[in-house]
């Protein structure tokens, strides 16, 4: 579907992921997740998109996407559940 540029909001979403190092008892930036996703939703998921690691920035994941011109409160959701990892649920709300 094509939308005129005036009806599109450009969004940039970034987050940082760390993992615990039991040898040093510290959290360190981690960029090894290859299947992390972001959901951009109002009532139903509008966008589900890959959230890739940013080269050269340890632990940072970022994506830029276009959101349709729809006013309201939207949620940004990262819900990562994989065997061997702690379940991660991150949610932010924002008005557009």
PDB file of N, CA and C in Angstrom:
ATOM      1  N   UNK A   1       0.845  -1.180   0.000  1.00  0.00           N
ATOM      2  CA  UNK A   1       0.000   0.000   0.000  1.00  0.00           C
ATOM      3  C   UNK A   1       0.889   1.242   0.000  1.00  0.00           C
ATOM      4  N   UNK A   2       0.594   2.188  -0.835  1.00  0.00           N
ATOM      5  CA  UNK A   2       1.356   3.426  -0.921  1.00  0.00           C
ATOM      6  C   UNK A   2       0.606   4.530  -0.191  1.00  0.00           C
ATOM      7  N   UNK A   3       1.322   5.254   0.651  1.00  0.00           N
ATOM      8  CA  UNK A   3       0.751   6.417   1.327  1.00  0.00           C
ATOM      9  C   UNK A   3       1.569   7.641   0.949  1.00  0.00           C
ATOM     10  N   UNK A   4       0.919   8.765   0.677  1.00  0.00           N
ATOM     11  CA  UNK A   4       1.681   9.984   0.404  1.00  0.00           C
ATOM     12  C   UNK A   4       2.585  10.319   1.588  1.00  0.00           C
ATOM     13  N   UNK A   5       3.732  10.903   1.299  1.00  0.00           N
ATOM     14  CA  UNK A   5       4.714  11.204   2.333  1.00  0.00           C
ATOM     15  C   UNK A   5       4.128  12.041   3.464  1.00  0.00           C
ATOM     16  N   UNK A   6       3.169  12.913   3.165  1.00  0.00           N
ATOM     17  CA  UNK A   6       2.583  13.765   4.207  1.00  0.00           C
ATOM     18  C   UNK A   6       1.765  12.957   5.216  1.00  0.00           C
ATOM     19  N   UNK A   7       1.389  11.711   4.866  1.00  0.00           N
ATOM     20  CA  UNK A   7       0.583  10.892   5.764  1.00  0.00           C
ATOM     21  C   UNK A   7       1.416   9.871   6.533  1.00  0.00           C
ATOM     22  N   UNK A   8       2.730   9.982   6.437  1.00  0.00           N
ATOM     23  CA  UNK A   8       3.603   8.997   7.071  1.00  0.00           C
ATOM     24  C   UNK A   8       4.438   9.660   8.153  1.00  0.00           C
ATOM     25  N   UNK A   9       4.484   9.031   9.322  1.00  0.00           N
ATOM     26  CA  UNK A   9       5.349   9.467  10.411  1.00  0.00           C
ATOM     27  C   UNK A   9       6.555   8.539  10.444  1.00  0.00           C
ATOM     28  N   UNK A  10       7.747   9.087  10.381  1.00  0.00           N
ATOM     29  CA  UNK A  10       8.961   8.292  10.466  1.00  0.00           C
ATOM     30  C   UNK A  10       9.315   8.087  11.927  1.00  0.00           C
ATOM     31  N   UNK A  11       9.488   6.839  12.344  1.00  0.00           N
ATOM     32  CA  UNK A  11       9.788   6.494  13.728  1.00  0.00           C
ATOM     33  C   UNK A  11      11.168   5.846  13.804  1.00  0.00           C
ATOM     34  N   UNK A  12      11.915   6.164  14.850  1.00  0.00           N
ATOM     35  CA  UNK A  12      13.191   5.509  15.126  1.00  0.00           C
ATOM     36  C   UNK A  12      13.081   4.912  16.516  1.00  0.00           C
ATOM     37  N   UNK A  13      13.341   3.626  16.629  1.00  0.00           N
ATOM     38  CA  UNK A  13      13.274   2.934  17.907  1.00  0.00           C
ATOM     39  C   UNK A  13      14.622   2.294  18.166  1.00  0.00           C
ATOM     40  N   UNK A  14      15.177   2.505  19.358  1.00  0.00           N
ATOM     41  CA  UNK A  14      16.449   1.892  19.750  1.00  0.00           C
ATOM     42  C   UNK A  14      16.339   1.383  21.175  1.00  0.00           C
ATOM     43  N   UNK A  15      17.055   0.315  21.466  1.00  0.00           N
ATOM     44  CA  UNK A  15      17.141  -0.212  22.818  1.00  0.00           C
ATOM     45  C   UNK A  15      18.509  -0.839  23.014  1.00  0.00           C
ATOM     46  N   UNK A  16      18.900  -1.008  24.256  1.00  0.00           N
ATOM     47  CA  UNK A  16      20.176  -1.637  24.587  1.00  0.00           C
ATOM     48  C   UNK A  16      19.903  -2.935  25.336  1.00  0.00           C
ATOM     49  N   UNK A  17      20.632  -3.994  24.972  1.00  0.00           N
ATOM     50  CA  UNK A  17      20.502  -5.304  25.599  1.00  0.00           C
ATOM     51  C   UNK A  17      21.838  -5.655  26.244  1.00  0.00           C
ATOM     52  N   UNK A  18      21.787  -6.169  27.466  1.00  0.00           N
ATOM     53  CA  UNK A  18      22.989  -6.607  28.175  1.00  0.00           C
ATOM     54  C   UNK A  18      22.811  -8.045  28.618  1.00  0.00           C
ATOM     55  N   UNK A  19      23.930  -8.716  28.872  1.00  0.00           N
ATOM     56  CA  UNK A  19      23.870 -10.052  29.460  1.00  0.00           C
ATOM     57  C   UNK A  19      24.769 -10.086  30.686  1.00  0.00           C
ATOM     58  N   UNK A  20      24.414 -10.950  31.605  1.00  0.00           N
ATOM     59  CA  UNK A  20      25.145 -11.059  32.858  1.00  0.00           C
ATOM     60  C   UNK A  20      26.351 -11.973  32.679  1.00  0.00           C
ATOM     61  N   UNK A  21      27.506 -11.515  33.129  1.00  0.00           N
ATOM     62  CA  UNK A  21      28.728 -12.313  33.110  1.00  0.00           C
ATOM     63  C   UNK A  21      29.009 -12.777  34.531  1.00  0.00           C
ATOM     64  N   UNK A  22      28.741 -14.072  34.828  1.00  0.00           N
ATOM     65  CA  UNK A  22      28.910 -14.551  36.201  1.00  0.00           C
ATOM     66  C   UNK A  22      30.372 -14.560  36.664  1.00  0.00           C
ATOM     67  N   UNK A  23      31.306 -14.586  35.720  1.00  0.00           N
ATOM     68  CA  UNK A  23      32.726 -14.590  36.104  1.00  0.00           C
ATOM     69  C   UNK A  23      33.146 -13.266  36.721  1.00  0.00           C
ATOM     70  N   UNK A  24      32.601 -12.158  36.181  1.00  0.00           N
ATOM     71  CA  UNK A  24      32.966 -10.831  36.679  1.00  0.00           C
ATOM     72  C   UNK A  24      31.845 -10.196  37.509  1.00  0.00           C
ATOM     73  N   UNK A  25      30.695 -10.872  37.588  1.00  0.00           N
ATOM     74  CA  UNK A  25      29.511 -10.358  38.307  1.00  0.00           C
ATOM     75  C   UNK A  25      29.083  -8.988  37.784  1.00  0.00           C
ATOM     76  N   UNK A  26      29.131  -8.812  36.441  1.00  0.00           N
ATOM     77  CA  UNK A  26      28.729  -7.546  35.825  1.00  0.00           C
ATOM     78  C   UNK A  26      27.832  -7.812  34.623  1.00  0.00           C
ATOM     79  N   UNK A  27      27.121  -6.778  34.233  1.00  0.00           N
ATOM     80  CA  UNK A  27      26.321  -6.815  33.014  1.00  0.00           C
ATOM     81  C   UNK A  27      27.154  -6.209  31.896  1.00  0.00           C
ATOM     82  N   UNK A  28      27.184  -6.873  30.729  1.00  0.00           N
ATOM     83  CA  UNK A  28      27.959  -6.369  29.593  1.00  0.00           C
ATOM     84  C   UNK A  28      27.045  -6.237  28.375  1.00  0.00           C
ATOM     85  N   UNK A  29      27.289  -5.241  27.509  1.00  0.00           N
ATOM     86  CA  UNK A  29      26.472  -5.088  26.299  1.00  0.00           C
ATOM     87  C   UNK A  29      26.535  -6.355  25.456  1.00  0.00           C
ATOM     88  N   UNK A  30      25.385  -6.728  24.862  1.00  0.00           N
ATOM     89  CA  UNK A  30      25.308  -7.963  24.088  1.00  0.00           C
ATOM     90  C   UNK A  30      24.593  -7.711  22.771  1.00  0.00           C
ATOM     91  N   UNK A  31      25.252  -8.043  21.672  1.00  0.00           N
ATOM     92  CA  UNK A  31      24.681  -7.850  20.336  1.00  0.00           C
ATOM     93  C   UNK A  31      24.508  -9.160  19.588  1.00  0.00           C
ATOM     94  N   UNK A  32      24.427 -10.272  20.276  1.00  0.00           N
ATOM     95  CA  UNK A  32      24.364 -11.574  19.632  1.00  0.00           C
ATOM     96  C   UNK A  32      22.978 -12.065  19.259  1.00  0.00           C
ATOM     97  N   UNK A  33      21.923 -11.317  19.566  1.00  0.00           N
ATOM     98  CA  UNK A  33      20.563 -11.742  19.228  1.00  0.00           C
ATOM     99  C   UNK A  33      20.287 -11.424  17.763  1.00  0.00           C
ATOM    100  N   UNK A  34      19.931 -12.440  16.986  1.00  0.00           N
ATOM    101  CA  UNK A  34      19.689 -12.240  15.549  1.00  0.00           C
ATOM    102  C   UNK A  34      18.204 -12.281  15.200  1.00  0.00           C
ATOM    103  N   UNK A  35      17.340 -12.605  16.163  1.00  0.00           N
ATOM    104  CA  UNK A  35      15.913 -12.743  15.867  1.00  0.00           C
ATOM    105  C   UNK A  35      15.032 -11.866  16.756  1.00  0.00           C
ATOM    106  N   UNK A  36      15.562 -10.761  17.246  1.00  0.00           N
ATOM    107  CA  UNK A  36      14.810  -9.816  18.062  1.00  0.00           C
ATOM    108  C   UNK A  36      13.829  -9.058  17.178  1.00  0.00           C
ATOM    109  N   UNK A  37      12.603  -8.830  17.664  1.00  0.00           N
ATOM    110  CA  UNK A  37      11.581  -8.125  16.895  1.00  0.00           C
ATOM    111  C   UNK A  37      10.951  -7.012  17.719  1.00  0.00           C
ATOM    112  N   UNK A  38      10.425  -6.015  17.011  1.00  0.00           N
ATOM    113  CA  UNK A  38       9.676  -4.923  17.613  1.00  0.00           C
ATOM    114  C   UNK A  38       8.251  -4.988  17.104  1.00  0.00           C
ATOM    115  N   UNK A  39       7.269  -4.833  17.991  1.00  0.00           N
ATOM    116  CA  UNK A  39       5.868  -4.671  17.592  1.00  0.00           C
ATOM    117  C   UNK A  39       5.468  -3.237  17.858  1.00  0.00           C
ATOM    118  N   UNK A  40       4.840  -2.609  16.868  1.00  0.00           N
ATOM    119  CA  UNK A  40       4.300  -1.263  16.991  1.00  0.00           C
ATOM    120  C   UNK A  40       2.791  -1.437  16.876  1.00  0.00           C
ATOM    121  N   UNK A  41       2.069  -1.175  17.960  1.00  0.00           N
ATOM    122  CA  UNK A  41       0.669  -1.564  18.005  1.00  0.00           C
ATOM    123  C   UNK A  41      -0.212  -0.490  18.624  1.00  0.00           C
ATOM    124  N   UNK A  42      -1.469  -0.481  18.225  1.00  0.00           N
ATOM    125  CA  UNK A  42      -2.482   0.333  18.884  1.00  0.00           C
ATOM    126  C   UNK A  42      -3.443  -0.650  19.544  1.00  0.00           C
ATOM    127  N   UNK A  43      -4.287  -1.293  18.777  1.00  0.00           N
ATOM    128  CA  UNK A  43      -5.116  -2.376  19.300  1.00  0.00           C
ATOM    129  C   UNK A  43      -4.623  -3.706  18.739  1.00  0.00           C
ATOM    130  N   UNK A  44      -4.351  -3.739  17.463  1.00  0.00           N
ATOM    131  CA  UNK A  44      -3.772  -4.900  16.795  1.00  0.00           C
ATOM    132  C   UNK A  44      -2.367  -4.517  16.373  1.00  0.00           C
ATOM    133  N   UNK A  45      -1.476  -5.497  16.221  1.00  0.00           N
ATOM    134  CA  UNK A  45      -0.136  -5.135  15.733  1.00  0.00           C
ATOM    135  C   UNK A  45      -0.221  -4.487  14.358  1.00  0.00           C
ATOM    136  N   UNK A  46       0.268  -3.278  14.242  1.00  0.00           N
ATOM    137  CA  UNK A  46       0.323  -2.593  12.953  1.00  0.00           C
ATOM    138  C   UNK A  46       1.589  -2.983  12.219  1.00  0.00           C
ATOM    139  N   UNK A  47       2.666  -3.092  12.967  1.00  0.00           N
ATOM    140  CA  UNK A  47       3.968  -3.400  12.377  1.00  0.00           C
ATOM    141  C   UNK A  47       4.688  -4.390  13.289  1.00  0.00           C
ATOM    142  N   UNK A  48       5.201  -5.443  12.719  1.00  0.00           N
ATOM    143  CA  UNK A  48       6.113  -6.356  13.428  1.00  0.00           C
ATOM    144  C   UNK A  48       7.345  -6.437  12.550  1.00  0.00           C
ATOM    145  N   UNK A  49       8.480  -5.982  13.070  1.00  0.00           N
ATOM    146  CA  UNK A  49       9.675  -5.801  12.258  1.00  0.00           C
ATOM    147  C   UNK A  49      10.909  -6.285  13.016  1.00  0.00           C
ATOM    148  N   UNK A  50      11.892  -6.759  12.271  1.00  0.00           N
ATOM    149  CA  UNK A  50      13.152  -7.190  12.887  1.00  0.00           C
ATOM    150  C   UNK A  50      13.826  -5.999  13.555  1.00  0.00           C
ATOM    151  N   UNK A  51      14.475  -6.267  14.659  1.00  0.00           N
ATOM    152  CA  UNK A  51      15.191  -5.247  15.430  1.00  0.00           C
ATOM    153  C   UNK A  51      16.656  -5.666  15.472  1.00  0.00           C
ATOM    154  N   UNK A  52      17.437  -5.283  14.451  1.00  0.00           N
ATOM    155  CA  UNK A  52      18.813  -5.783  14.323  1.00  0.00           C
ATOM    156  C   UNK A  52      19.802  -5.043  15.210  1.00  0.00           C
ATOM    157  N   UNK A  53      20.936  -5.720  15.512  1.00  0.00           N
ATOM    158  CA  UNK A  53      22.001  -5.042  16.261  1.00  0.00           C
ATOM    159  C   UNK A  53      22.652  -3.972  15.404  1.00  0.00           C
ATOM    160  N   UNK A  54      23.135  -2.906  16.046  1.00  0.00           N
ATOM    161  CA  UNK A  54      23.813  -1.811  15.353  1.00  0.00           C
ATOM    162  C   UNK A  54      25.318  -2.105  15.352  1.00  0.00           C
ATOM    163  N   UNK A  55      25.912  -2.280  14.171  1.00  0.00           N
ATOM    164  CA  UNK A  55      27.344  -2.568  14.122  1.00  0.00           C
ATOM    165  C   UNK A  55      28.162  -1.453  14.791  1.00  0.00           C
ATOM    166  N   UNK A  56      29.131  -1.854  15.594  1.00  0.00           N
ATOM    167  CA  UNK A  56      30.003  -0.883  16.243  1.00  0.00           C
ATOM    168  C   UNK A  56      29.466  -0.304  17.537  1.00  0.00           C
ATOM    169  N   UNK A  57      28.248  -0.675  17.927  1.00  0.00           N
ATOM    170  CA  UNK A  57      27.645  -0.188  19.177  1.00  0.00           C
ATOM    171  C   UNK A  57      27.186  -1.398  19.980  1.00  0.00           C
ATOM    172  N   UNK A  58      28.044  -1.886  20.841  1.00  0.00           N
ATOM    173  CA  UNK A  58      27.756  -3.109  21.598  1.00  0.00           C
ATOM    174  C   UNK A  58      26.456  -3.000  22.382  1.00  0.00           C
ATOM    175  N   UNK A  59      25.587  -3.977  22.196  1.00  0.00           N
ATOM    176  CA  UNK A  59      24.333  -4.038  22.942  1.00  0.00           C
ATOM    177  C   UNK A  59      23.211  -3.189  22.394  1.00  0.00           C
ATOM    178  N   UNK A  60      23.441  -2.393  21.346  1.00  0.00           N
ATOM    179  CA  UNK A  60      22.402  -1.514  20.816  1.00  0.00           C
ATOM    180  C   UNK A  60      21.706  -2.179  19.630  1.00  0.00           C
ATOM    181  N   UNK A  61      20.372  -2.106  19.644  1.00  0.00           N
ATOM    182  CA  UNK A  61      19.528  -2.600  18.569  1.00  0.00           C
ATOM    183  C   UNK A  61      18.663  -1.429  18.123  1.00  0.00           C
ATOM    184  N   UNK A  62      18.495  -1.256  16.807  1.00  0.00           N
ATOM    185  CA  UNK A  62      17.753  -0.091  16.330  1.00  0.00           C
ATOM    186  C   UNK A  62      17.084  -0.379  14.993  1.00  0.00           C
ATOM    187  N   UNK A  63      15.937   0.250  14.774  1.00  0.00           N
ATOM    188  CA  UNK A  63      15.228   0.135  13.504  1.00  0.00           C
ATOM    189  C   UNK A  63      14.495   1.448  13.230  1.00  0.00           C
ATOM    190  N   UNK A  64      14.417   1.819  11.957  1.00  0.00           N
ATOM    191  CA  UNK A  64      13.642   2.974  11.514  1.00  0.00           C
ATOM    192  C   UNK A  64      12.500   2.449  10.652  1.00  0.00           C
ATOM    193  N   UNK A  65      11.279   2.918  10.912  1.00  0.00           N
ATOM    194  CA  UNK A  65      10.134   2.439  10.140  1.00  0.00           C
ATOM    195  C   UNK A  65       9.131   3.563   9.964  1.00  0.00           C
ATOM    196  N   UNK A  66       8.209   3.365   9.043  1.00  0.00           N
ATOM    197  CA  UNK A  66       7.170   4.363   8.776  1.00  0.00           C
ATOM    198  C   UNK A  66       5.867   3.937   9.421  1.00  0.00           C
ATOM    199  N   UNK A  67       5.292   4.836  10.173  1.00  0.00           N
ATOM    200  CA  UNK A  67       4.008   4.583  10.822  1.00  0.00           C
ATOM    201  C   UNK A  67       2.926   5.349  10.062  1.00  0.00           C
ATOM    202  N   UNK A  68       1.789   4.707   9.746  1.00  0.00           N
ATOM    203  CA  UNK A  68       0.703   5.414   9.048  1.00  0.00           C
ATOM    204  C   UNK A  68       0.160   6.565   9.894  1.00  0.00           C
ATOM    205  N   UNK A  69      -0.446   7.522   9.230  1.00  0.00           N
ATOM    206  CA  UNK A  69      -1.023   8.679   9.911  1.00  0.00           C
ATOM    207  C   UNK A  69      -2.303   8.252  10.618  1.00  0.00           C
ATOM    208  N   UNK A  70      -2.143   7.818  11.832  1.00  0.00           N
ATOM    209  CA  UNK A  70      -3.278   7.403  12.653  1.00  0.00           C
ATOM    210  C   UNK A  70      -3.017   7.936  14.045  1.00  0.00           C
ATOM    211  N   UNK A  71      -3.854   8.806  14.526  1.00  0.00           N
ATOM    212  CA  UNK A  71      -3.640   9.450  15.815  1.00  0.00           C
ATOM    213  C   UNK A  71      -4.106   8.545  16.950  1.00  0.00           C
ATOM    214  N   UNK A  72      -3.351   8.559  18.040  1.00  0.00           N
ATOM    215  CA  UNK A  72      -3.704   7.761  19.203  1.00  0.00           C
ATOM    216  C   UNK A  72      -2.476   7.412  20.003  1.00  0.00           C
ATOM    217  N   UNK A  73      -2.665   6.546  20.979  1.00  0.00           N
ATOM    218  CA  UNK A  73      -1.576   6.082  21.831  1.00  0.00           C
ATOM    219  C   UNK A  73      -1.119   4.719  21.305  1.00  0.00           C
ATOM    220  N   UNK A  74       0.143   4.623  20.982  1.00  0.00           N
ATOM    221  CA  UNK A  74       0.714   3.399  20.440  1.00  0.00           C
ATOM    222  C   UNK A  74       1.676   2.786  21.436  1.00  0.00           C
ATOM    223  N   UNK A  75       1.864   1.472  21.326  1.00  0.00           N
ATOM    224  CA  UNK A  75       2.821   0.762  22.169  1.00  0.00           C
ATOM    225  C   UNK A  75       3.958   0.240  21.306  1.00  0.00           C
ATOM    226  N   UNK A  76       5.170   0.358  21.836  1.00  0.00           N
ATOM    227  CA  UNK A  76       6.352  -0.273  21.274  1.00  0.00           C
ATOM    228  C   UNK A  76       6.639  -1.466  22.178  1.00  0.00           C
ATOM    229  N   UNK A  77       6.677  -2.674  21.622  1.00  0.00           N
ATOM    230  CA  UNK A  77       6.827  -3.881  22.437  1.00  0.00           C
ATOM    231  C   UNK A  77       7.985  -4.730  21.919  1.00  0.00           C
ATOM    232  N   UNK A  78       8.879  -5.111  22.825  1.00  0.00           N
ATOM    233  CA  UNK A  78       9.901  -6.118  22.546  1.00  0.00           C
ATOM    234  C   UNK A  78       9.642  -7.237  23.543  1.00  0.00           C
ATOM    235  N   UNK A  79       9.262  -8.407  23.041  1.00  0.00           N
ATOM    236  CA  UNK A  79       8.937  -9.554  23.892  1.00  0.00           C
ATOM    237  C   UNK A  79       9.789 -10.724  23.420  1.00  0.00           C
ATOM    238  N   UNK A  80      10.913 -10.958  24.092  1.00  0.00           N
ATOM    239  CA  UNK A  80      11.889 -11.966  23.656  1.00  0.00           C
ATOM    240  C   UNK A  80      11.852 -13.166  24.579  1.00  0.00           C
ATOM    241  N   UNK A  81      11.468 -14.315  24.020  1.00  0.00           N
ATOM    242  CA  UNK A  81      11.396 -15.556  24.785  1.00  0.00           C
ATOM    243  C   UNK A  81      12.144 -16.633  24.005  1.00  0.00           C
ATOM    244  N   UNK A  82      13.286 -17.051  24.523  1.00  0.00           N
ATOM    245  CA  UNK A  82      14.071 -18.111  23.892  1.00  0.00           C
ATOM    246  C   UNK A  82      14.664 -19.005  24.968  1.00  0.00           C
ATOM    247  N   UNK A  83      14.747 -20.280  24.661  1.00  0.00           N
ATOM    248  CA  UNK A  83      15.349 -21.235  25.582  1.00  0.00           C
ATOM    249  C   UNK A  83      16.791 -20.830  25.859  1.00  0.00           C
ATOM    250  N   UNK A  84      17.158 -20.813  27.132  1.00  0.00           N
ATOM    251  CA  UNK A  84      18.512 -20.453  27.520  1.00  0.00           C
ATOM    252  C   UNK A  84      18.690 -18.985  27.851  1.00  0.00           C
ATOM    253  N   UNK A  85      17.658 -18.162  27.604  1.00  0.00           N
ATOM    254  CA  UNK A  85      17.710 -16.730  27.919  1.00  0.00           C
ATOM    255  C   UNK A  85      16.605 -16.395  28.913  1.00  0.00           C
ATOM    256  N   UNK A  86      16.810 -15.361  29.686  1.00  0.00           N
ATOM    257  CA  UNK A  86      15.754 -14.851  30.547  1.00  0.00           C
ATOM    258  C   UNK A  86      14.723 -14.170  29.655  1.00  0.00           C
ATOM    259  N   UNK A  87      13.420 -14.408  29.917  1.00  0.00           N
ATOM    260  CA  UNK A  87      12.382 -13.732  29.128  1.00  0.00           C
ATOM    261  C   UNK A  87      12.497 -12.227  29.319  1.00  0.00           C
ATOM    262  N   UNK A  88      12.424 -11.505  28.219  1.00  0.00           N
ATOM    263  CA  UNK A  88      12.551 -10.054  28.247  1.00  0.00           C
ATOM    264  C   UNK A  88      11.279  -9.430  27.679  1.00  0.00           C
ATOM    265  N   UNK A  89      10.635  -8.566  28.437  1.00  0.00           N
ATOM    266  CA  UNK A  89       9.456  -7.843  27.974  1.00  0.00           C
ATOM    267  C   UNK A  89       9.689  -6.361  28.231  1.00  0.00           C
ATOM    268  N   UNK A  90       9.782  -5.592  27.149  1.00  0.00           N
ATOM    269  CA  UNK A  90       9.960  -4.146  27.232  1.00  0.00           C
ATOM    270  C   UNK A  90       8.768  -3.496  26.544  1.00  0.00           C
ATOM    271  N   UNK A  91       8.122  -2.525  27.201  1.00  0.00           N
ATOM    272  CA  UNK A  91       6.977  -1.825  26.593  1.00  0.00           C
ATOM    273  C   UNK A  91       7.079  -0.337  26.872  1.00  0.00           C
ATOM    274  N   UNK A  92       6.849   0.456  25.829  1.00  0.00           N
ATOM    275  CA  UNK A  92       6.781   1.916  25.938  1.00  0.00           C
ATOM    276  C   UNK A  92       5.506   2.354  25.264  1.00  0.00           C
ATOM    277  N   UNK A  93       4.893   3.398  25.775  1.00  0.00           N
ATOM    278  CA  UNK A  93       3.745   4.001  25.092  1.00  0.00           C
ATOM    279  C   UNK A  93       4.110   5.404  24.658  1.00  0.00           C
ATOM    280  N   UNK A  94       3.506   5.826  23.547  1.00  0.00           N
ATOM    281  CA  UNK A  94       3.780   7.146  22.999  1.00  0.00           C
ATOM    282  C   UNK A  94       2.568   7.596  22.205  1.00  0.00           C
ATOM    283  N   UNK A  95       2.342   8.888  22.183  1.00  0.00           N
ATOM    284  CA  UNK A  95       1.240   9.441  21.389  1.00  0.00           C
ATOM    285  C   UNK A  95       1.750   9.877  20.030  1.00  0.00           C
ATOM    286  N   UNK A  96       0.970   9.590  19.018  1.00  0.00           N
ATOM    287  CA  UNK A  96       1.263  10.085  17.665  1.00  0.00           C
ATOM    288  C   UNK A  96       0.144  10.984  17.233  1.00  0.00           C
TER     289      UNK A  96
END
